Amino acid sequence: MDKYSISVISAFIGAAVAIFTNYWRTRYTIKSQDLSKRIEELSQSISKLEAYACEYWTSEDRSKNSANHYAMGFQTKIELMIQYLDKQHTRFNDKSVSRSLNEFTGACTGGSFNDKSGKPEPDRVRRILITGESLKIELMKIRNLHY
């Protein structure tokens, strides 16, 4: 082989490696950005659920309070998003997220949640805020594992 053909073959091999590397890096970056964006959305939804649940549990007249409908909606939204992330990202499946989610939803909508005649339970607010923050921390841990 002459020097010209060796140069051409080397250029093709280099180009193929560069194309493959750029493709793989772009694909990884897009998936990581999607995960990061979804976790940020989840954190915002968790904060909103915390607010609605706290409003519900501190309300004097639950029959006139529509926070329970918003709380149930945000709870379902959070559960659906976590199921989606669990299916899309193989390393997302984590028992600590499931455990934290169960504790959080139990604090928000457990017990006598739909009882319209219940008395305010301001002590529950602390539990809601703590379990909500624990869930956010577990989600951030998973996000950090992907970087």
C-alpha atoms as a PDB file:
ATOM      1  CA  MET A   1       0.000   0.000   0.000  1.00  0.00           C
ATOM      2  CA  ASP A   2       1.149   3.431  -0.732  1.00  0.00           C
ATOM      3  CA  LYS A   3       1.069   6.419   1.616  1.00  0.00           C
ATOM      4  CA  TYR A   4      -2.018   7.859  -0.085  1.00  0.00           C
ATOM      5  CA  SER A   5      -4.238   4.825   0.570  1.00  0.00           C
ATOM      6  CA  ILE A   6      -3.035   4.555   4.189  1.00  0.00           C
ATOM      7  CA  SER A   7      -3.963   8.226   4.706  1.00  0.00           C
ATOM      8  CA  VAL A   8      -7.413   7.725   3.194  1.00  0.00           C
ATOM      9  CA  ILE A   9      -8.106   4.622   5.303  1.00  0.00           C
ATOM     10  CA  SER A  10      -6.895   6.404   8.452  1.00  0.00           C
ATOM     11  CA  ALA A  11      -9.150   9.370   7.664  1.00  0.00           C
ATOM     12  CA  PHE A  12     -12.192   7.093   7.223  1.00  0.00           C
ATOM     13  CA  ILE A  13     -11.477   5.270  10.484  1.00  0.00           C
ATOM     14  CA  GLY A  14     -11.001   8.585  12.312  1.00  0.00           C
ATOM     15  CA  ALA A  15     -14.225   9.966  10.842  1.00  0.00           C
ATOM     16  CA  ALA A  16     -16.163   6.843  11.829  1.00  0.00           C
ATOM     17  CA  VAL A  17     -14.855   7.011  15.397  1.00  0.00           C
ATOM     18  CA  ALA A  18     -15.707  10.728  15.615  1.00  0.00           C
ATOM     19  CA  ILE A  19     -19.235  10.184  14.275  1.00  0.00           C
ATOM     20  CA  PHE A  20     -19.849   7.305  16.686  1.00  0.00           C
ATOM     21  CA  THR A  21     -18.467   9.283  19.652  1.00  0.00           C
ATOM     22  CA  ASN A  22     -20.544  12.366  18.843  1.00  0.00           C
ATOM     23  CA  TYR A  23     -23.677  10.273  18.367  1.00  0.00           C
ATOM     24  CA  TRP A  24     -23.201   8.463  21.675  1.00  0.00           C
ATOM     25  CA  ARG A  25     -22.359  11.648  23.585  1.00  0.00           C
ATOM     26  CA  THR A  26     -25.389  13.485  22.146  1.00  0.00           C
ATOM     27  CA  ARG A  27     -27.694  10.596  22.963  1.00  0.00           C
ATOM     28  CA  TYR A  28     -26.409  10.409  26.538  1.00  0.00           C
ATOM     29  CA  THR A  29     -26.670  14.183  26.992  1.00  0.00           C
ATOM     30  CA  ILE A  30     -30.261  14.274  25.761  1.00  0.00           C
ATOM     31  CA  LYS A  31     -31.319  11.455  28.108  1.00  0.00           C
ATOM     32  CA  SER A  32     -29.543  13.097  31.044  1.00  0.00           C
ATOM     33  CA  GLN A  33     -31.124  16.457  30.314  1.00  0.00           C
ATOM     34  CA  ASP A  34     -34.550  14.827  30.034  1.00  0.00           C
ATOM     35  CA  LEU A  35     -34.094  13.100  33.392  1.00  0.00           C
ATOM     36  CA  SER A  36     -32.916  16.311  34.996  1.00  0.00           C
ATOM     37  CA  LYS A  37     -35.862  18.263  33.566  1.00  0.00           C
ATOM     38  CA  ARG A  38     -38.367  15.626  34.698  1.00  0.00           C
ATOM     39  CA  ILE A  39     -36.933  15.552  38.214  1.00  0.00           C
ATOM     40  CA  GLU A  40     -37.200  19.345  38.404  1.00  0.00           C
ATOM     41  CA  GLU A  41     -40.845  19.090  37.308  1.00  0.00           C
ATOM     42  CA  LEU A  42     -41.410  16.392  39.930  1.00  0.00           C
ATOM     43  CA  SER A  43     -39.894  18.577  42.635  1.00  0.00           C
ATOM     44  CA  GLN A  44     -42.213  21.426  41.695  1.00  0.00           C
ATOM     45  CA  SER A  45     -45.230  19.114  41.734  1.00  0.00           C
ATOM     46  CA  ILE A  46     -44.179  17.741  45.116  1.00  0.00           C
ATOM     47  CA  SER A  47     -44.001  21.301  46.463  1.00  0.00           C
ATOM     48  CA  LYS A  48     -47.479  22.053  45.123  1.00  0.00           C
ATOM     49  CA  LEU A  49     -48.883  18.866  46.628  1.00  0.00           C
ATOM     50  CA  GLU A  50     -47.305  19.823  49.941  1.00  0.00           C
ATOM     51  CA  ALA A  51     -49.018  23.219  49.800  1.00  0.00           C
ATOM     52  CA  TYR A  52     -52.453  21.820  48.914  1.00  0.00           C
ATOM     53  CA  ALA A  53     -52.251  19.024  51.485  1.00  0.00           C
ATOM     54  CA  CYS A  54     -51.162  21.451  54.212  1.00  0.00           C
ATOM     55  CA  GLU A  55     -54.011  23.776  53.262  1.00  0.00           C
ATOM     56  CA  TYR A  56     -56.464  20.882  53.473  1.00  0.00           C
ATOM     57  CA  TRP A  57     -55.241  19.571  56.847  1.00  0.00           C
ATOM     58  CA  THR A  58     -55.265  23.013  58.471  1.00  0.00           C
ATOM     59  CA  SER A  59     -58.660  24.037  57.091  1.00  0.00           C
ATOM     60  CA  GLU A  60     -61.443  24.724  59.576  1.00  0.00           C
ATOM     61  CA  ASP A  61     -64.187  23.852  57.080  1.00  0.00           C
ATOM     62  CA  ARG A  62     -63.115  21.039  54.761  1.00  0.00           C
ATOM     63  CA  SER A  63     -66.471  20.957  52.997  1.00  0.00           C
ATOM     64  CA  LYS A  64     -65.746  24.362  51.425  1.00  0.00           C
ATOM     65  CA  ASN A  65     -62.106  23.634  50.664  1.00  0.00           C
ATOM     66  CA  SER A  66     -61.220  22.453  47.158  1.00  0.00           C
ATOM     67  CA  ALA A  67     -57.589  21.716  48.067  1.00  0.00           C
ATOM     68  CA  ASN A  68     -58.371  18.010  48.350  1.00  0.00           C
ATOM     69  CA  HIS A  69     -59.166  17.818  44.622  1.00  0.00           C
ATOM     70  CA  TYR A  70     -55.898  19.541  43.732  1.00  0.00           C
ATOM     71  CA  ALA A  71     -53.988  17.343  46.163  1.00  0.00           C
ATOM     72  CA  MET A  72     -55.399  14.156  44.626  1.00  0.00           C
ATOM     73  CA  GLY A  73     -54.610  15.450  41.131  1.00  0.00           C
ATOM     74  CA  PHE A  74     -51.015  16.306  41.979  1.00  0.00           C
ATOM     75  CA  GLN A  75     -50.554  13.003  43.781  1.00  0.00           C
ATOM     76  CA  THR A  76     -51.666  11.109  40.669  1.00  0.00           C
ATOM     77  CA  LYS A  77     -49.441  13.283  38.477  1.00  0.00           C
ATOM     78  CA  ILE A  78     -46.408  12.547  40.663  1.00  0.00           C
ATOM     79  CA  GLU A  79     -47.102   8.814  40.686  1.00  0.00           C
ATOM     80  CA  LEU A  80     -47.493   8.744  36.892  1.00  0.00           C
ATOM     81  CA  MET A  81     -44.262  10.673  36.347  1.00  0.00           C
ATOM     82  CA  ILE A  82     -42.323   8.353  38.654  1.00  0.00           C
ATOM     83  CA  GLN A  83     -43.720   5.323  36.805  1.00  0.00           C
ATOM     84  CA  TYR A  84     -42.653   6.910  33.494  1.00  0.00           C
ATOM     85  CA  LEU A  85     -39.127   7.602  34.751  1.00  0.00           C
ATOM     86  CA  ASP A  86     -38.897   4.092  36.158  1.00  0.00           C
ATOM     87  CA  LYS A  87     -39.660   2.636  32.723  1.00  0.00           C
ATOM     88  CA  GLN A  88     -37.446   5.034  30.754  1.00  0.00           C
ATOM     89  CA  HIS A  89     -34.321   5.007  32.914  1.00  0.00           C
ATOM     90  CA  THR A  90     -32.966   1.637  33.961  1.00  0.00           C
ATOM     91  CA  ARG A  91     -31.034   2.959  36.950  1.00  0.00           C
ATOM     92  CA  PHE A  92     -34.032   4.944  38.207  1.00  0.00           C
ATOM     93  CA  ASN A  93     -35.734   1.957  39.841  1.00  0.00           C
ATOM     94  CA  ASP A  94     -34.901   2.459  43.460  1.00  0.00           C
ATOM     95  CA  LYS A  95     -36.659   1.144  46.546  1.00  0.00           C
ATOM     96  CA  SER A  96     -35.843   4.305  48.473  1.00  0.00           C
ATOM     97  CA  VAL A  97     -37.919   6.374  46.011  1.00  0.00           C
ATOM     98  CA  SER A  98     -40.870   3.990  46.359  1.00  0.00           C
ATOM     99  CA  ARG A  99     -40.607   4.032  50.137  1.00  0.00           C
ATOM    100  CA  SER A 100     -40.330   7.839  50.255  1.00  0.00           C
ATOM    101  CA  LEU A 101     -43.243   8.218  47.828  1.00  0.00           C
ATOM    102  CA  ASN A 102     -45.444   5.931  49.953  1.00  0.00           C
ATOM    103  CA  GLU A 103     -44.579   7.852  53.131  1.00  0.00           C
ATOM    104  CA  PHE A 104     -45.224  11.180  51.405  1.00  0.00           C
ATOM    105  CA  THR A 105     -48.567  10.218  49.877  1.00  0.00           C
ATOM    106  CA  GLY A 106     -49.625   8.667  53.169  1.00  0.00           C
ATOM    107  CA  ALA A 107     -48.840  11.924  54.940  1.00  0.00           C
ATOM    108  CA  CYS A 108     -50.676  13.997  52.327  1.00  0.00           C
ATOM    109  CA  THR A 109     -53.797  11.970  51.610  1.00  0.00           C
ATOM    110  CA  GLY A 110     -53.837   9.175  54.173  1.00  0.00           C
ATOM    111  CA  GLY A 111     -56.108   8.668  57.133  1.00  0.00           C
ATOM    112  CA  SER A 112     -59.312  10.700  57.113  1.00  0.00           C
ATOM    113  CA  PHE A 113     -58.397  12.714  54.020  1.00  0.00           C
ATOM    114  CA  ASN A 114     -61.823  12.796  52.374  1.00  0.00           C
ATOM    115  CA  ASP A 115     -63.734  13.231  55.623  1.00  0.00           C
ATOM    116  CA  LYS A 116     -65.447  16.604  55.129  1.00  0.00           C
ATOM    117  CA  SER A 117     -66.310  16.960  58.803  1.00  0.00           C
ATOM    118  CA  GLY A 118     -62.830  16.318  60.189  1.00  0.00           C
ATOM    119  CA  LYS A 119     -61.083  18.724  62.510  1.00  0.00           C
ATOM    120  CA  PRO A 120     -57.901  20.551  61.477  1.00  0.00           C
ATOM    121  CA  GLU A 121     -54.704  18.576  62.024  1.00  0.00           C
ATOM    122  CA  PRO A 122     -51.904  21.162  62.014  1.00  0.00           C
ATOM    123  CA  ASP A 123     -49.414  18.634  63.417  1.00  0.00           C
ATOM    124  CA  ARG A 124     -49.682  16.744  60.145  1.00  0.00           C
ATOM    125  CA  VAL A 125     -48.107  19.689  58.280  1.00  0.00           C
ATOM    126  CA  ARG A 126     -44.693  18.886  59.750  1.00  0.00           C
ATOM    127  CA  ARG A 127     -44.927  15.271  58.580  1.00  0.00           C
ATOM    128  CA  ILE A 128     -45.986  16.359  55.083  1.00  0.00           C
ATOM    129  CA  LEU A 129     -43.096  18.780  54.719  1.00  0.00           C
ATOM    130  CA  ILE A 130     -40.499  16.340  56.050  1.00  0.00           C
ATOM    131  CA  THR A 131     -41.621  13.422  53.885  1.00  0.00           C
ATOM    132  CA  GLY A 132     -41.882  15.706  50.841  1.00  0.00           C
ATOM    133  CA  GLU A 133     -38.322  16.890  51.314  1.00  0.00           C
ATOM    134  CA  SER A 134     -37.141  13.294  51.814  1.00  0.00           C
ATOM    135  CA  LEU A 135     -38.719  12.345  48.487  1.00  0.00           C
ATOM    136  CA  LYS A 136     -37.056  15.279  46.728  1.00  0.00           C
ATOM    137  CA  ILE A 137     -33.687  14.264  48.204  1.00  0.00           C
ATOM    138  CA  GLU A 138     -34.086  10.691  46.943  1.00  0.00           C
ATOM    139  CA  LEU A 139     -34.881  12.013  43.459  1.00  0.00           C
ATOM    140  CA  MET A 140     -31.835  14.296  43.526  1.00  0.00           C
ATOM    141  CA  LYS A 141     -29.633  11.365  44.540  1.00  0.00           C
ATOM    142  CA  ILE A 142     -30.788   9.462  41.466  1.00  0.00           C
ATOM    143  CA  ARG A 143     -30.223  12.477  39.254  1.00  0.00           C
ATOM    144  CA  ASN A 144     -26.679  12.808  40.584  1.00  0.00           C
ATOM    145  CA  LEU A 145     -25.993   9.126  39.825  1.00  0.00           C
ATOM    146  CA  HIS A 146     -26.629   9.805  36.131  1.00  0.00           C
ATOM    147  CA  TYR A 147     -23.922  12.455  35.859  1.00  0.00           C
END
